[in-house]
Amino acid sequence: MPFLIETFDKADRQALRLEVRQTHLDYLEANVDVLLACGAKLSDDGETASGGIYLVDLDSREEAERFIKADPFYQADLFAEFKVIRWRQAYLNRKNTL
C-alpha cells in the first residue's frame, strides 16, 4: 500500500545535507524496489533543499516509519520532523492507475 513520507529539515542544516547526500542516495538505490517516487523539496530558485517527499509502496505505516528512520538523513539528525500519510495512488507517470 502506498504511503507519502514528507520530511522537514532542521534550520541551517544545508551543509549536513550535502555531507550526507551520497550516503542517502546509496540508501535510496538499495531500496529502489519500494520507491514509487522521491525527491527534495526546493526553494523557488532551485538551489536549496529543505526536506523531501517519498512515495513508498510498503505494507504498513510501521514499515514506512522504519524505512525513513533507516535513511542516512534521519540518522544524521537532519530532520526536524517527518510525516507518514497513507496515500491513494490515482495517477503515476501521467497515467491513471485506478
Protein backbone atom coordinates (compact mmCIF):
# COMPACT_ATOMS: atom_id res chain seq x y z
CA MET A 1 0.00 0.00 0.00
CA PRO A 2 1.38 3.43 -0.84
CA PHE A 3 2.47 5.96 1.75
CA LEU A 4 3.66 9.52 1.36
CA ILE A 5 6.52 10.46 3.67
CA GLU A 6 7.26 14.17 3.96
CA THR A 7 10.40 15.33 5.73
CA PHE A 8 11.26 18.77 7.06
CA ASP A 9 14.91 19.73 7.58
CA LYS A 10 16.13 21.49 10.69
CA ALA A 11 17.12 25.11 10.09
CA ASP A 12 20.66 25.84 8.95
CA ARG A 13 21.49 22.21 8.11
CA GLN A 14 22.29 22.61 4.40
CA ALA A 15 25.96 21.70 4.95
CA LEU A 16 24.93 18.50 6.76
CA ARG A 17 22.51 17.64 3.94
CA LEU A 18 25.30 17.97 1.38
CA GLU A 19 27.73 16.00 3.54
CA VAL A 20 25.36 13.02 3.89
CA ARG A 21 23.77 13.26 0.42
CA GLN A 22 25.73 10.48 -1.31
CA THR A 23 25.10 8.01 1.52
CA HIS A 24 21.40 8.96 1.34
CA LEU A 25 21.36 8.37 -2.43
CA ASP A 26 23.06 5.00 -1.95
CA TYR A 27 20.34 4.08 0.58
CA LEU A 28 17.62 5.03 -1.91
CA GLU A 29 19.28 2.98 -4.65
CA ALA A 30 19.50 -0.02 -2.32
CA ASN A 31 15.74 0.33 -1.65
CA VAL A 32 14.57 1.26 -5.15
CA ASP A 33 12.12 -1.66 -5.13
CA VAL A 34 9.84 0.16 -2.63
CA LEU A 35 10.18 3.66 -4.13
CA LEU A 36 7.37 4.91 -6.35
CA ALA A 37 8.98 8.37 -6.42
CA CYS A 38 11.05 10.63 -4.22
CA GLY A 39 12.94 13.87 -4.27
CA ALA A 40 13.92 17.02 -2.43
CA LYS A 41 11.67 19.99 -1.73
CA LEU A 42 13.49 23.00 -3.16
CA SER A 43 13.49 26.76 -2.75
CA ASP A 44 12.00 28.72 -5.65
CA ASP A 45 15.44 29.27 -7.16
CA GLY A 46 16.08 25.52 -7.05
CA GLU A 47 19.29 25.96 -5.05
CA THR A 48 18.38 24.93 -1.51
CA ALA A 49 16.64 21.80 -0.26
CA SER A 50 14.53 21.95 2.90
CA GLY A 51 13.23 18.40 3.15
CA GLY A 52 11.86 15.75 0.88
CA ILE A 53 8.90 13.75 -0.39
CA TYR A 54 8.99 9.97 -0.63
CA LEU A 55 6.23 7.87 -2.16
CA VAL A 56 6.80 4.31 -0.99
CA ASP A 57 4.97 1.05 -1.52
CA LEU A 58 5.15 -0.76 1.82
CA ASP A 59 2.75 -3.00 3.73
CA SER A 60 2.19 -0.82 6.79
CA ARG A 61 2.73 2.54 8.44
CA GLU A 62 5.27 0.87 10.73
CA GLU A 63 7.31 -0.27 7.72
CA ALA A 64 7.19 3.25 6.29
CA GLU A 65 8.41 4.65 9.60
CA ARG A 66 11.22 2.08 9.73
CA PHE A 67 12.15 2.99 6.16
CA ILE A 68 12.54 6.71 6.89
CA LYS A 69 14.31 6.10 10.21
CA ALA A 70 16.91 3.99 8.38
CA ASP A 71 17.59 6.81 5.90
CA PRO A 72 21.05 8.34 6.45
CA PHE A 73 19.47 11.81 6.51
CA TYR A 74 17.35 10.76 9.52
CA GLN A 75 20.29 9.02 11.16
CA ALA A 76 22.42 12.18 10.76
CA ASP A 77 19.73 14.17 12.62
CA LEU A 78 18.88 16.31 9.58
CA PHE A 79 15.10 16.23 10.04
CA ALA A 80 13.14 18.43 12.43
CA GLU A 81 10.15 16.17 11.75
CA PHE A 82 8.63 13.76 9.29
CA LYS A 83 5.05 12.79 8.47
CA VAL A 84 3.81 9.44 7.18
CA ILE A 85 0.47 9.62 5.38
CA ARG A 86 -1.50 6.82 3.74
CA TRP A 87 -1.85 7.68 0.06
CA ARG A 88 -4.19 6.54 -2.71
CA GLN A 89 -2.38 6.33 -6.00
CA ALA A 90 -4.58 7.62 -8.83
CA TYR A 91 -2.04 8.83 -11.38
CA LEU A 92 1.58 7.87 -11.88
CA ASN A 93 3.81 8.95 -14.74
CA ARG A 94 0.87 10.91 -16.18
CA LYS A 95 -1.29 7.79 -16.36
CA ASN A 96 -4.43 6.88 -14.46
CA THR A 97 -3.73 3.83 -12.29
CA LEU A 98 -7.23 3.31 -10.91
